[in-house]
C-alpha atoms as a PDB file:
ATOM      1  CA  MET A   1    -103.500  43.427-183.578  1.00  0.00           C
ATOM      2  CA  ALA A   2    -102.094  41.011-180.330  1.00  0.00           C
ATOM      3  CA  LYS A   3    -100.537  44.328-179.449  1.00  0.00           C
ATOM      4  CA  THR A   4    -103.611  46.082-179.990  1.00  0.00           C
ATOM      5  CA  LYS A   5    -105.551  43.595-178.113  1.00  0.00           C
ATOM      6  CA  ARG A   6    -103.012  44.146-174.940  1.00  0.00           C
ATOM      7  CA  ASN A   7    -103.265  47.268-174.766  1.00  0.00           C
ATOM      8  CA  VAL A   8    -106.868  47.095-174.062  1.00  0.00           C
ATOM      9  CA  LEU A   9    -106.919  45.151-171.929  1.00  0.00           C
ATOM     10  CA  LEU A  10    -103.694  46.872-169.996  1.00  0.00           C
ATOM     11  CA  ILE A  11    -106.179  49.652-169.668  1.00  0.00           C
ATOM     12  CA  ILE A  12    -108.997  47.417-168.617  1.00  0.00           C
ATOM     13  CA  LEU A  13    -107.321  46.115-165.937  1.00  0.00           C
ATOM     14  CA  ALA A  14    -105.831  49.934-164.896  1.00  0.00           C
ATOM     15  CA  VAL A  15    -109.557  50.849-164.969  1.00  0.00           C
ATOM     16  CA  LEU A  16    -110.558  48.323-162.756  1.00  0.00           C
ATOM     17  CA  ILE A  17    -107.761  49.135-160.388  1.00  0.00           C
ATOM     18  CA  LEU A  18    -108.621  52.410-160.699  1.00  0.00           C
ATOM     19  CA  ALA A  19    -112.095  51.739-159.862  1.00  0.00           C
ATOM     20  CA  ALA A  20    -111.045  48.859-157.067  1.00  0.00           C
ATOM     21  CA  GLY A  21    -109.076  52.106-155.116  1.00  0.00           C
ATOM     22  CA  GLY A  22    -112.032  53.945-155.637  1.00  0.00           C
ATOM     23  CA  VAL A  23    -114.078  51.313-154.003  1.00  0.00           C
ATOM     24  CA  PHE A  24    -111.719  50.734-151.576  1.00  0.00           C
ATOM     25  CA  VAL A  25    -111.455  54.553-150.794  1.00  0.00           C
ATOM     26  CA  TYR A  26    -115.137  55.228-150.259  1.00  0.00           C
ATOM     27  CA  ILE A  27    -115.449  51.726-148.118  1.00  0.00           C
ATOM     28  CA  LYS A  28    -112.751  53.094-146.078  1.00  0.00           C
ATOM     29  CA  GLY A  29    -114.227  56.269-145.447  1.00  0.00           C
ATOM     30  CA  PHE A  30    -117.088  54.320-143.682  1.00  0.00           C
ATOM     31  CA  LEU A  31    -114.802  52.098-141.752  1.00  0.00           C
ATOM     32  CA  ASP A  32    -112.121  54.423-140.457  1.00  0.00           C
ATOM     33  CA  ALA A  33    -115.239  57.162-139.704  1.00  0.00           C
ATOM     34  CA  GLU A  34    -115.229  57.308-135.708  1.00  0.00           C
ATOM     35  CA  PHE A  35    -117.291  59.020-132.680  1.00  0.00           C
ATOM     36  CA  ARG A  36    -115.072  60.897-130.862  1.00  0.00           C
ATOM     37  CA  ILE A  37    -116.680  60.569-127.758  1.00  0.00           C
ATOM     38  CA  LYS A  38    -115.529  58.973-124.275  1.00  0.00           C
ATOM     39  CA  GLU A  39    -118.272  58.116-123.044  1.00  0.00           C
ATOM     40  CA  THR A  40    -122.262  57.143-123.819  1.00  0.00           C
ATOM     41  CA  VAL A  41    -124.526  59.885-125.274  1.00  0.00           C
ATOM     42  CA  TYR A  42    -127.827  60.237-126.951  1.00  0.00           C
ATOM     43  CA  ILE A  43    -129.078  60.792-130.121  1.00  0.00           C
ATOM     44  CA  TYR A  44    -133.215  61.852-130.012  1.00  0.00           C
ATOM     45  CA  VAL A  45    -135.885  61.555-133.105  1.00  0.00           C
ATOM     46  CA  ASP A  46    -138.697  63.744-132.855  1.00  0.00           C
ATOM     47  CA  LYS A  47    -142.176  63.381-134.355  1.00  0.00           C
ATOM     48  CA  GLN A  48    -140.324  65.553-136.942  1.00  0.00           C
ATOM     49  CA  LYS A  49    -137.986  62.989-137.552  1.00  0.00           C
ATOM     50  CA  SER A  50    -135.917  65.030-139.187  1.00  0.00           C
ATOM     51  CA  PHE A  51    -132.472  63.647-141.147  1.00  0.00           C
ATOM     52  CA  GLU A  52    -131.285  67.114-140.918  1.00  0.00           C
ATOM     53  CA  ALA A  53    -131.471  67.240-136.934  1.00  0.00           C
ATOM     54  CA  VAL A  54    -130.151  63.823-136.587  1.00  0.00           C
ATOM     55  CA  LEU A  55    -126.975  64.837-139.116  1.00  0.00           C
ATOM     56  CA  THR A  56    -126.742  67.747-136.666  1.00  0.00           C
ATOM     57  CA  GLN A  57    -126.611  65.860-133.320  1.00  0.00           C
ATOM     58  CA  MET A  58    -124.477  63.238-134.875  1.00  0.00           C
ATOM     59  CA  ASP A  59    -121.272  66.286-135.809  1.00  0.00           C
ATOM     60  CA  THR A  60    -122.305  68.603-132.224  1.00  0.00           C
ATOM     61  CA  THR A  61    -122.923  65.300-129.665  1.00  0.00           C
ATOM     62  CA  ALA A  62    -121.460  62.116-131.014  1.00  0.00           C
ATOM     63  CA  HIS A  63    -118.812  64.373-133.212  1.00  0.00           C
ATOM     64  CA  VAL A  64    -118.432  61.460-135.246  1.00  0.00           C
ATOM     65  CA  SER A  65    -115.263  61.775-137.551  1.00  0.00           C
ATOM     66  CA  ASP A  66    -116.553  62.063-141.033  1.00  0.00           C
ATOM     67  CA  LEU A  67    -120.096  63.764-141.214  1.00  0.00           C
ATOM     68  CA  ASN A  68    -120.205  62.359-145.360  1.00  0.00           C
ATOM     69  CA  ALA A  69    -119.358  59.337-144.679  1.00  0.00           C
ATOM     70  CA  PHE A  70    -122.084  58.983-141.916  1.00  0.00           C
ATOM     71  CA  LYS A  71    -124.793  60.660-144.801  1.00  0.00           C
ATOM     72  CA  ARG A  72    -123.893  58.804-147.720  1.00  0.00           C
ATOM     73  CA  LEU A  73    -124.441  55.393-145.781  1.00  0.00           C
ATOM     74  CA  ALA A  74    -127.074  56.316-144.563  1.00  0.00           C
ATOM     75  CA  SER A  75    -128.702  56.943-147.483  1.00  0.00           C
ATOM     76  CA  TYR A  76    -127.090  53.809-148.822  1.00  0.00           C
ATOM     77  CA  MET A  77    -128.479  51.902-146.014  1.00  0.00           C
ATOM     78  CA  LYS A  78    -131.756  53.532-147.196  1.00  0.00           C
ATOM     79  CA  TYR A  79    -132.480  55.149-143.343  1.00  0.00           C
ATOM     80  CA  PRO A  80    -134.098  58.438-144.063  1.00  0.00           C
ATOM     81  CA  ASP A  81    -136.549  56.951-145.766  1.00  0.00           C
ATOM     82  CA  ASN A  82    -137.208  54.298-142.564  1.00  0.00           C
ATOM     83  CA  MET A  83    -136.637  57.267-139.801  1.00  0.00           C
ATOM     84  CA  LYS A  84    -138.138  55.562-136.448  1.00  0.00           C
ATOM     85  CA  THR A  85    -138.833  58.174-133.211  1.00  0.00           C
ATOM     86  CA  GLY A  86    -137.134  57.577-130.231  1.00  0.00           C
ATOM     87  CA  ARG A  87    -133.331  58.105-127.708  1.00  0.00           C
ATOM     88  CA  TYR A  88    -130.734  56.379-128.932  1.00  0.00           C
ATOM     89  CA  ALA A  89    -127.254  55.262-127.103  1.00  0.00           C
ATOM     90  CA  ILE A  90    -124.054  55.804-129.128  1.00  0.00           C
ATOM     91  CA  THR A  91    -121.449  54.357-127.074  1.00  0.00           C
ATOM     92  CA  PRO A  92    -117.471  55.288-127.700  1.00  0.00           C
ATOM     93  CA  ASP A  93    -116.562  51.589-129.482  1.00  0.00           C
ATOM     94  CA  MET A  94    -119.832  51.860-132.332  1.00  0.00           C
ATOM     95  CA  SER A  95    -119.586  51.948-135.857  1.00  0.00           C
ATOM     96  CA  ILE A  96    -121.518  54.223-138.050  1.00  0.00           C
ATOM     97  CA  GLN A  97    -122.965  51.143-139.620  1.00  0.00           C
ATOM     98  CA  GLU A  98    -124.252  50.259-136.059  1.00  0.00           C
ATOM     99  CA  VAL A  99    -125.370  53.265-134.756  1.00  0.00           C
ATOM    100  CA  ILE A 100    -127.206  53.496-138.033  1.00  0.00           C
ATOM    101  CA  GLY A 101    -128.749  49.977-137.939  1.00  0.00           C
ATOM    102  CA  ASP A 102    -130.438  50.668-134.448  1.00  0.00           C
ATOM    103  CA  LEU A 103    -130.971  54.169-135.858  1.00  0.00           C
ATOM    104  CA  LYS A 104    -133.120  52.569-138.779  1.00  0.00           C
ATOM    105  CA  GLY A 105    -134.083  49.028-136.665  1.00  0.00           C
ATOM    106  CA  GLY A 106    -135.742  51.098-133.386  1.00  0.00           C
ATOM    107  CA  HIS A 107    -133.801  49.671-131.142  1.00  0.00           C
ATOM    108  CA  GLN A 108    -134.051  52.118-128.297  1.00  0.00           C
ATOM    109  CA  ALA A 109    -132.290  53.152-125.099  1.00  0.00           C
ATOM    110  CA  PRO A 110    -134.856  53.540-122.580  1.00  0.00           C
ATOM    111  CA  VAL A 111    -135.489  56.499-120.230  1.00  0.00           C
ATOM    112  CA  LYS A 112    -134.828  56.059-117.007  1.00  0.00           C
ATOM    113  CA  LEU A 113    -137.719  58.372-115.682  1.00  0.00           C
ATOM    114  CA  LYS A 114    -138.345  60.030-112.739  1.00  0.00           C
ATOM    115  CA  PHE A 115    -140.162  62.536-110.771  1.00  0.00           C
ATOM    116  CA  ASN A 116    -140.325  63.799-107.022  1.00  0.00           C
ATOM    117  CA  ASN A 117    -140.403  66.036-104.962  1.00  0.00           C
ATOM    118  CA  ILE A 118    -143.349  67.568-107.095  1.00  0.00           C
ATOM    119  CA  ARG A 119    -146.171  70.091-105.633  1.00  0.00           C
ATOM    120  CA  THR A 120    -148.615  71.284-108.869  1.00  0.00           C
ATOM    121  CA  LYS A 121    -150.058  69.165-111.565  1.00  0.00           C
ATOM    122  CA  ALA A 122    -147.998  72.233-113.955  1.00  0.00           C
ATOM    123  CA  ASP A 123    -144.576  71.043-111.611  1.00  0.00           C
ATOM    124  CA  LEU A 124    -145.394  67.083-112.796  1.00  0.00           C
ATOM    125  CA  ALA A 125    -146.645  67.612-116.275  1.00  0.00           C
ATOM    126  CA  LYS A 126    -142.280  69.708-116.529  1.00  0.00           C
ATOM    127  CA  ARG A 127    -140.729  66.975-115.394  1.00  0.00           C
ATOM    128  CA  LEU A 128    -142.307  64.155-117.109  1.00  0.00           C
ATOM    129  CA  ALA A 129    -141.773  66.482-120.482  1.00  0.00           C
ATOM    130  CA  SER A 130    -138.111  67.241-119.437  1.00  0.00           C
ATOM    131  CA  GLN A 131    -137.534  63.375-119.807  1.00  0.00           C
ATOM    132  CA  LEU A 132    -139.692  62.725-122.693  1.00  0.00           C
ATOM    133  CA  MET A 133    -141.159  63.098-126.039  1.00  0.00           C
ATOM    134  CA  LEU A 134    -144.428  63.908-124.677  1.00  0.00           C
ATOM    135  CA  THR A 135    -145.022  67.589-124.256  1.00  0.00           C
ATOM    136  CA  GLU A 136    -146.340  70.191-121.524  1.00  0.00           C
ATOM    137  CA  GLU A 137    -149.787  70.483-122.984  1.00  0.00           C
ATOM    138  CA  GLU A 138    -149.807  67.245-123.509  1.00  0.00           C
ATOM    139  CA  PHE A 139    -149.391  65.997-120.327  1.00  0.00           C
ATOM    140  CA  MET A 140    -151.534  69.361-118.863  1.00  0.00           C
ATOM    141  CA  ASP A 141    -154.447  68.101-121.149  1.00  0.00           C
ATOM    142  CA  ALA A 142    -154.658  64.956-119.415  1.00  0.00           C
ATOM    143  CA  PHE A 143    -154.654  66.078-116.531  1.00  0.00           C
ATOM    144  CA  ASN A 144    -157.697  68.245-116.872  1.00  0.00           C
ATOM    145  CA  ASN A 145    -159.144  65.965-118.687  1.00  0.00           C
ATOM    146  CA  ALA A 146    -162.458  65.002-116.766  1.00  0.00           C
ATOM    147  CA  GLU A 147    -162.852  62.012-118.629  1.00  0.00           C
ATOM    148  CA  MET A 148    -160.070  60.904-119.523  1.00  0.00           C
ATOM    149  CA  CYS A 149    -158.459  60.794-115.508  1.00  0.00           C
ATOM    150  CA  SER A 150    -162.055  58.962-114.729  1.00  0.00           C
ATOM    151  CA  LYS A 151    -161.155  56.206-117.456  1.00  0.00           C
ATOM    152  CA  LEU A 152    -157.782  55.368-114.696  1.00  0.00           C
ATOM    153  CA  GLY A 153    -159.716  55.957-111.581  1.00  0.00           C
ATOM    154  CA  PHE A 154    -159.586  59.030-110.989  1.00  0.00           C
ATOM    155  CA  THR A 155    -160.067  63.148-111.111  1.00  0.00           C
ATOM    156  CA  PRO A 156    -158.326  65.875-111.996  1.00  0.00           C
ATOM    157  CA  GLU A 157    -158.015  67.569-108.575  1.00  0.00           C
ATOM    158  CA  THR A 158    -156.611  63.731-107.431  1.00  0.00           C
ATOM    159  CA  ILE A 159    -155.029  62.584-110.523  1.00  0.00           C
ATOM    160  CA  THR A 160    -151.459  63.421-109.515  1.00  0.00           C
ATOM    161  CA  CYS A 161    -152.031  60.919-106.566  1.00  0.00           C
ATOM    162  CA  MET A 162    -151.388  57.674-109.857  1.00  0.00           C
ATOM    163  CA  PHE A 163    -147.872  58.833-109.486  1.00  0.00           C
ATOM    164  CA  VAL A 164    -146.128  56.987-107.218  1.00  0.00           C
ATOM    165  CA  PRO A 165    -142.295  58.841-106.749  1.00  0.00           C
ATOM    166  CA  ASN A 166    -139.658  56.059-108.523  1.00  0.00           C
ATOM    167  CA  THR A 167    -137.217  55.430-111.070  1.00  0.00           C
ATOM    168  CA  TYR A 168    -139.139  53.409-113.405  1.00  0.00           C
ATOM    169  CA  GLU A 169    -137.910  52.337-117.454  1.00  0.00           C
ATOM    170  CA  VAL A 170    -139.673  54.214-119.884  1.00  0.00           C
ATOM    171  CA  TYR A 171    -139.301  54.273-123.954  1.00  0.00           C
ATOM    172  CA  TRP A 172    -138.214  58.129-124.719  1.00  0.00           C
ATOM    173  CA  ASP A 173    -141.423  58.429-127.948  1.00  0.00           C
ATOM    174  CA  VAL A 174    -143.755  56.293-125.469  1.00  0.00           C
ATOM    175  CA  THR A 175    -147.322  57.488-126.498  1.00  0.00           C
ATOM    176  CA  LEU A 176    -149.637  59.413-123.784  1.00  0.00           C
ATOM    177  CA  ASP A 177    -152.178  56.276-123.421  1.00  0.00           C
ATOM    178  CA  SER A 178    -149.479  53.642-122.706  1.00  0.00           C
ATOM    179  CA  PHE A 179    -147.651  56.164-120.310  1.00  0.00           C
ATOM    180  CA  LEU A 180    -150.959  56.973-118.245  1.00  0.00           C
ATOM    181  CA  LYS A 181    -151.617  53.113-118.219  1.00  0.00           C
ATOM    182  CA  ARG A 182    -148.175  52.250-117.300  1.00  0.00           C
ATOM    183  CA  MET A 183    -148.007  54.511-114.343  1.00  0.00           C
ATOM    184  CA  LYS A 184    -151.804  53.322-113.393  1.00  0.00           C
ATOM    185  CA  ASP A 185    -150.145  50.037-113.263  1.00  0.00           C
ATOM    186  CA  GLU A 186    -147.159  50.992-111.388  1.00  0.00           C
ATOM    187  CA  TYR A 187    -150.053  52.335-108.495  1.00  0.00           C
ATOM    188  CA  SER A 188    -151.491  49.228-108.371  1.00  0.00           C
ATOM    189  CA  LYS A 189    -148.445  47.631-108.154  1.00  0.00           C
ATOM    190  CA  PHE A 190    -147.762  49.462-105.299  1.00  0.00           C
ATOM    191  CA  TRP A 191    -150.663  49.285-103.471  1.00  0.00           C
ATOM    192  CA  THR A 192    -150.928  45.952-102.303  1.00  0.00           C
ATOM    193  CA  SER A 193    -152.555  44.024-100.198  1.00  0.00           C
ATOM    194  CA  GLU A 194    -151.098  44.652 -97.065  1.00  0.00           C
ATOM    195  CA  ARG A 195    -151.045  48.409 -97.581  1.00  0.00           C
ATOM    196  CA  LEU A 196    -154.905  48.435 -98.798  1.00  0.00           C
ATOM    197  CA  GLU A 197    -155.873  47.058 -95.408  1.00  0.00           C
ATOM    198  CA  LYS A 198    -153.771  49.222 -93.560  1.00  0.00           C
ATOM    199  CA  ALA A 199    -155.321  52.270 -95.707  1.00  0.00           C
ATOM    200  CA  LYS A 200    -158.741  50.756 -94.622  1.00  0.00           C
ATOM    201  CA  ALA A 201    -157.384  50.232 -90.677  1.00  0.00           C
ATOM    202  CA  GLN A 202    -157.013  53.870 -90.393  1.00  0.00           C
ATOM    203  CA  GLY A 203    -160.656  54.359 -92.276  1.00  0.00           C
ATOM    204  CA  LEU A 204    -158.889  55.683 -95.822  1.00  0.00           C
ATOM    205  CA  THR A 205    -158.849  55.027 -99.388  1.00  0.00           C
ATOM    206  CA  PRO A 206    -155.172  55.129-101.029  1.00  0.00           C
ATOM    207  CA  ILE A 207    -156.466  57.995-102.824  1.00  0.00           C
ATOM    208  CA  GLU A 208    -156.731  59.904 -99.763  1.00  0.00           C
ATOM    209  CA  VAL A 209    -154.177  58.274 -98.383  1.00  0.00           C
ATOM    210  CA  SER A 210    -152.063  60.520-100.683  1.00  0.00           C
ATOM    211  CA  ILE A 211    -154.025  63.826-100.084  1.00  0.00           C
ATOM    212  CA  LEU A 212    -152.968  63.246 -96.594  1.00  0.00           C
ATOM    213  CA  ALA A 213    -149.450  62.532 -97.139  1.00  0.00           C
ATOM    214  CA  SER A 214    -148.857  65.333 -99.211  1.00  0.00           C
ATOM    215  CA  ILE A 215    -149.812  67.699 -95.976  1.00  0.00           C
ATOM    216  CA  VAL A 216    -147.826  65.775 -93.966  1.00  0.00           C
ATOM    217  CA  GLU A 217    -144.448  65.770 -96.209  1.00  0.00           C
ATOM    218  CA  GLU A 218    -145.527  69.798 -96.829  1.00  0.00           C
ATOM    219  CA  GLU A 219    -145.972  70.502 -93.239  1.00  0.00           C
ATOM    220  CA  CYS A 220    -142.422  68.636 -92.024  1.00  0.00           C
ATOM    221  CA  TYR A 221    -139.380  69.595 -92.378  1.00  0.00           C
ATOM    222  CA  PHE A 222    -137.679  66.319 -91.161  1.00  0.00           C
ATOM    223  CA  SER A 223    -139.150  63.013 -92.174  1.00  0.00           C
ATOM    224  CA  ASP A 224    -138.778  61.786 -88.904  1.00  0.00           C
ATOM    225  CA  GLU A 225    -141.647  63.618 -87.731  1.00  0.00           C
ATOM    226  CA  TYR A 226    -144.156  62.256 -90.813  1.00  0.00           C
ATOM    227  CA  PRO A 227    -146.112  59.611 -88.328  1.00  0.00           C
ATOM    228  CA  VAL A 228    -146.038  62.252 -85.454  1.00  0.00           C
ATOM    229  CA  VAL A 229    -147.911  64.618 -87.806  1.00  0.00           C
ATOM    230  CA  ALA A 230    -150.110  61.772 -89.255  1.00  0.00           C
ATOM    231  CA  GLY A 231    -151.093  60.484 -86.240  1.00  0.00           C
ATOM    232  CA  LEU A 232    -152.359  64.034 -85.221  1.00  0.00           C
ATOM    233  CA  TYR A 233    -154.060  64.644 -88.410  1.00  0.00           C
ATOM    234  CA  LEU A 234    -155.876  61.120 -87.579  1.00  0.00           C
ATOM    235  CA  ASN A 235    -156.543  62.246 -84.450  1.00  0.00           C
ATOM    236  CA  ARG A 236    -158.540  65.148 -86.001  1.00  0.00           C
ATOM    237  CA  LEU A 237    -160.566  63.627 -88.617  1.00  0.00           C
ATOM    238  CA  ARG A 238    -161.911  60.675 -86.375  1.00  0.00           C
ATOM    239  CA  ILE A 239    -163.440  63.452 -84.066  1.00  0.00           C
ATOM    240  CA  GLY A 240    -164.558  65.402 -86.678  1.00  0.00           C
ATOM    241  CA  GLN A 241    -162.140  68.278 -86.193  1.00  0.00           C
ATOM    242  CA  LEU A 242    -160.808  70.268 -88.527  1.00  0.00           C
ATOM    243  CA  LEU A 243    -157.209  70.151 -90.259  1.00  0.00           C
ATOM    244  CA  GLN A 244    -156.568  73.670 -90.076  1.00  0.00           C
ATOM    245  CA  ALA A 245    -153.176  72.809 -91.982  1.00  0.00           C
ATOM    246  CA  ASP A 246    -151.380  75.896 -92.791  1.00  0.00           C
ATOM    247  CA  PRO A 247    -149.555  73.899 -95.887  1.00  0.00           C
ATOM    248  CA  THR A 248    -153.442  73.725 -97.588  1.00  0.00           C
ATOM    249  CA  VAL A 249    -153.575  77.294 -96.900  1.00  0.00           C
ATOM    250  CA  LYS A 250    -151.049  77.761 -98.606  1.00  0.00           C
ATOM    251  CA  PHE A 251    -151.790  75.803-101.440  1.00  0.00           C
ATOM    252  CA  ALA A 252    -154.812  77.786-101.618  1.00  0.00           C
ATOM    253  CA  VAL A 253    -153.139  81.266-101.877  1.00  0.00           C
ATOM    254  CA  GLY A 254    -150.990  79.723-104.458  1.00  0.00           C
ATOM    255  CA  ASP A 255    -147.741  80.918-102.234  1.00  0.00           C
ATOM    256  CA  PHE A 256    -145.735  77.718-100.551  1.00  0.00           C
ATOM    257  CA  SER A 257    -143.244  80.812 -99.953  1.00  0.00           C
ATOM    258  CA  LEU A 258    -145.534  82.669 -96.972  1.00  0.00           C
ATOM    259  CA  LYS A 259    -143.534  82.175 -93.458  1.00  0.00           C
ATOM    260  CA  ARG A 260    -146.342  83.729 -91.770  1.00  0.00           C
ATOM    261  CA  ILE A 261    -149.821  83.068 -92.070  1.00  0.00           C
ATOM    262  CA  LEU A 262    -151.859  85.817 -91.659  1.00  0.00           C
ATOM    263  CA  PHE A 263    -155.422  86.100 -90.653  1.00  0.00           C
ATOM    264  CA  GLU A 264    -156.107  87.097 -94.159  1.00  0.00           C
ATOM    265  CA  HIS A 265    -155.056  84.144 -95.276  1.00  0.00           C
ATOM    266  CA  LEU A 266    -157.153  81.997 -93.667  1.00  0.00           C
ATOM    267  CA  GLN A 267    -160.432  83.703 -94.944  1.00  0.00           C
ATOM    268  CA  VAL A 268    -159.064  82.944 -98.658  1.00  0.00           C
ATOM    269  CA  GLU A 269    -162.395  81.140 -99.823  1.00  0.00           C
ATOM    270  CA  SER A 270    -161.104  77.168-101.193  1.00  0.00           C
ATOM    271  CA  PRO A 271    -162.380  73.411-100.754  1.00  0.00           C
ATOM    272  CA  TYR A 272    -157.933  73.557-100.076  1.00  0.00           C
ATOM    273  CA  ASN A 273    -158.211  75.724 -97.084  1.00  0.00           C
ATOM    274  CA  THR A 274    -158.821  73.292 -93.717  1.00  0.00           C
ATOM    275  CA  TYR A 275    -159.479  76.230 -91.909  1.00  0.00           C
ATOM    276  CA  LYS A 276    -163.091  76.950 -93.096  1.00  0.00           C
ATOM    277  CA  HIS A 277    -163.483  73.254 -94.608  1.00  0.00           C
ATOM    278  CA  LEU A 278    -163.874  70.039 -92.573  1.00  0.00           C
ATOM    279  CA  GLY A 279    -162.054  67.151 -93.616  1.00  0.00           C
ATOM    280  CA  LEU A 280    -159.359  66.212 -96.206  1.00  0.00           C
ATOM    281  CA  PRO A 281    -159.318  68.435 -99.555  1.00  0.00           C
ATOM    282  CA  PRO A 282    -160.282  67.391-102.671  1.00  0.00           C
ATOM    283  CA  GLY A 283    -157.162  65.819-103.536  1.00  0.00           C
ATOM    284  CA  PRO A 284    -153.149  66.299-102.695  1.00  0.00           C
ATOM    285  CA  ILE A 285    -151.088  69.432-102.258  1.00  0.00           C
ATOM    286  CA  ARG A 286    -147.615  67.579-103.886  1.00  0.00           C
ATOM    287  CA  VAL A 287    -147.209  64.777-104.962  1.00  0.00           C
ATOM    288  CA  ALA A 288    -146.902  62.599-102.166  1.00  0.00           C
ATOM    289  CA  SER A 289    -143.545  60.392-101.987  1.00  0.00           C
ATOM    290  CA  ILE A 290    -143.771  56.521-101.059  1.00  0.00           C
ATOM    291  CA  LYS A 291    -141.808  57.755 -97.205  1.00  0.00           C
ATOM    292  CA  GLY A 292    -145.069  59.844 -96.919  1.00  0.00           C
ATOM    293  CA  ILE A 293    -147.266  57.679 -97.599  1.00  0.00           C
ATOM    294  CA  ASP A 294    -146.074  54.713 -95.715  1.00  0.00           C
ATOM    295  CA  ALA A 295    -145.568  57.521 -92.462  1.00  0.00           C
ATOM    296  CA  VAL A 296    -150.071  57.457 -92.986  1.00  0.00           C
ATOM    297  CA  LEU A 297    -150.180  53.726 -92.894  1.00  0.00           C
ATOM    298  CA  ASN A 298    -148.046  53.709 -89.898  1.00  0.00           C
ATOM    299  CA  ALA A 299    -148.990  56.680 -87.722  1.00  0.00           C
ATOM    300  CA  GLN A 300    -148.014  56.639 -84.677  1.00  0.00           C
ATOM    301  CA  LYS A 301    -150.609  56.329 -81.978  1.00  0.00           C
ATOM    302  CA  HIS A 302    -151.528  59.485 -79.665  1.00  0.00           C
ATOM    303  CA  ASP A 303    -153.171  61.856 -78.338  1.00  0.00           C
ATOM    304  CA  TYR A 304    -151.731  64.683 -79.806  1.00  0.00           C
ATOM    305  CA  LEU A 305    -154.749  67.275 -81.390  1.00  0.00           C
ATOM    306  CA  TYR A 306    -152.185  70.535 -81.730  1.00  0.00           C
ATOM    307  CA  MET A 307    -148.670  70.983 -82.995  1.00  0.00           C
ATOM    308  CA  CYS A 308    -146.643  74.386 -83.653  1.00  0.00           C
ATOM    309  CA  ALA A 309    -143.613  75.023 -85.235  1.00  0.00           C
ATOM    310  CA  LYS A 310    -140.751  75.058 -82.678  1.00  0.00           C
ATOM    311  CA  GLU A 311    -139.728  78.672 -81.963  1.00  0.00           C
ATOM    312  CA  ASP A 312    -135.723  78.013 -82.347  1.00  0.00           C
ATOM    313  CA  PHE A 313    -136.599  77.535 -86.188  1.00  0.00           C
ATOM    314  CA  SER A 314    -134.891  74.772 -86.286  1.00  0.00           C
ATOM    315  CA  GLY A 315    -137.499  73.246 -88.523  1.00  0.00           C
ATOM    316  CA  ARG A 316    -139.151  70.704 -85.996  1.00  0.00           C
ATOM    317  CA  HIS A 317    -142.808  70.972 -83.925  1.00  0.00           C
ATOM    318  CA  ASN A 318    -144.001  71.478 -80.616  1.00  0.00           C
ATOM    319  CA  PHE A 319    -147.007  68.788 -79.711  1.00  0.00           C
ATOM    320  CA  ALA A 320    -149.252  69.198 -77.307  1.00  0.00           C
ATOM    321  CA  VAL A 321    -152.907  67.459 -76.482  1.00  0.00           C
ATOM    322  CA  THR A 322    -154.589  70.273 -74.819  1.00  0.00           C
ATOM    323  CA  HIS A 323    -155.646  73.678 -76.999  1.00  0.00           C
ATOM    324  CA  ALA A 324    -154.141  75.242 -73.735  1.00  0.00           C
ATOM    325  CA  GLU A 325    -150.567  73.727 -73.676  1.00  0.00           C
ATOM    326  CA  HIS A 326    -151.048  74.652 -77.840  1.00  0.00           C
ATOM    327  CA  VAL A 327    -150.947  78.171 -76.874  1.00  0.00           C
ATOM    328  CA  ARG A 328    -148.504  78.400 -74.866  1.00  0.00           C
ATOM    329  CA  ASN A 329    -146.636  77.036 -77.515  1.00  0.00           C
ATOM    330  CA  ALA A 330    -147.767  79.784 -79.893  1.00  0.00           C
ATOM    331  CA  ASN A 331    -147.183  82.572 -78.435  1.00  0.00           C
ATOM    332  CA  ARG A 332    -144.226  81.328 -77.769  1.00  0.00           C
ATOM    333  CA  TYR A 333    -143.383  80.733 -81.598  1.00  0.00           C
ATOM    334  CA  ARG A 334    -145.214  83.767 -82.402  1.00  0.00           C
ATOM    335  CA  THR A 335    -142.964  85.778 -80.155  1.00  0.00           C
ATOM    336  CA  ALA A 336    -139.972  84.637 -82.144  1.00  0.00           C
ATOM    337  CA  LEU A 337    -141.094  85.729 -84.979  1.00  0.00           C
ATOM    338  CA  ASN A 338    -141.726  88.919 -84.014  1.00  0.00           C
ATOM    339  CA  GLN A 339    -138.809  89.407 -82.703  1.00  0.00           C
ATOM    340  CA  ARG A 340    -137.451  88.146 -86.358  1.00  0.00           C
ATOM    341  CA  LYS A 341    -139.227  90.693 -88.032  1.00  0.00           C
ATOM    342  CA  ILE A 342    -141.366  88.159 -89.943  1.00  0.00           C
ATOM    343  CA  TYR A 343    -144.243  89.603 -90.513  1.00  0.00           C
END
């Protein structure tokens, strides 16, 4: 009887040891799993909240050493039922438990959002969508929505003025309304009392400053010419003379690659054609940079009314006070174009 009791205890002990060993192996699998990466990588969870998509990224992006261990622990921590959208950072020293904790808790890594050298609304929508969860279509719908633009203080023609090129920290899954509000807040911060006073001194609103700055930037290859060209266009605006800015014609035609503006281009009927319509166009022809905006606010004071690209194709301009002087400059440039067979 005692022997039987001892055998039963030995069997129970053996089972417990085996069970403990199984638990140890099971837990060791979690502890041994690691991310075979040398630098920080990012995992994205979109609106679909697909656990399979996360597993794919863990395998192909984070290179987790044991995908099954990650899957088992994620299930144990109830992550598949509590997924949150976002962009999540994984560093080489993180454990799978830490990563799952971040994913489940929605502890995101912000995006350093950048946009510069942007011409059209479509270009802006594409650049923003490439860095955020929002789509190009969502941005374009907002940019073309007159009511939404009006609430922000703009029109579909001027909405890109609200976007001041810089680097902004935002969450990848930011909502459209929150993002637009953030950009409006940044715009308001940018337009300090000092800048507003300078705009007023130039006889322009902040939106008009951005529109003029967009023309100046398209006109100049070298930024040191920005203040000179800005001063020239301001001179024209003050005396009621057509701006006759070639970049606005390119925008109206829809072809920024034009190397020579022909008579037929000047005849295009568009409110952006400053050869036909007095004053500034209804909106910017690119997203003006801070440097371009400040160049308009601090425009150089001079008597220039005319400008023409230099005949040496350096990217710089010859400036003139009189039309006769401008004609001589233009003839030299026209001759240079003909010699190079640019028609």
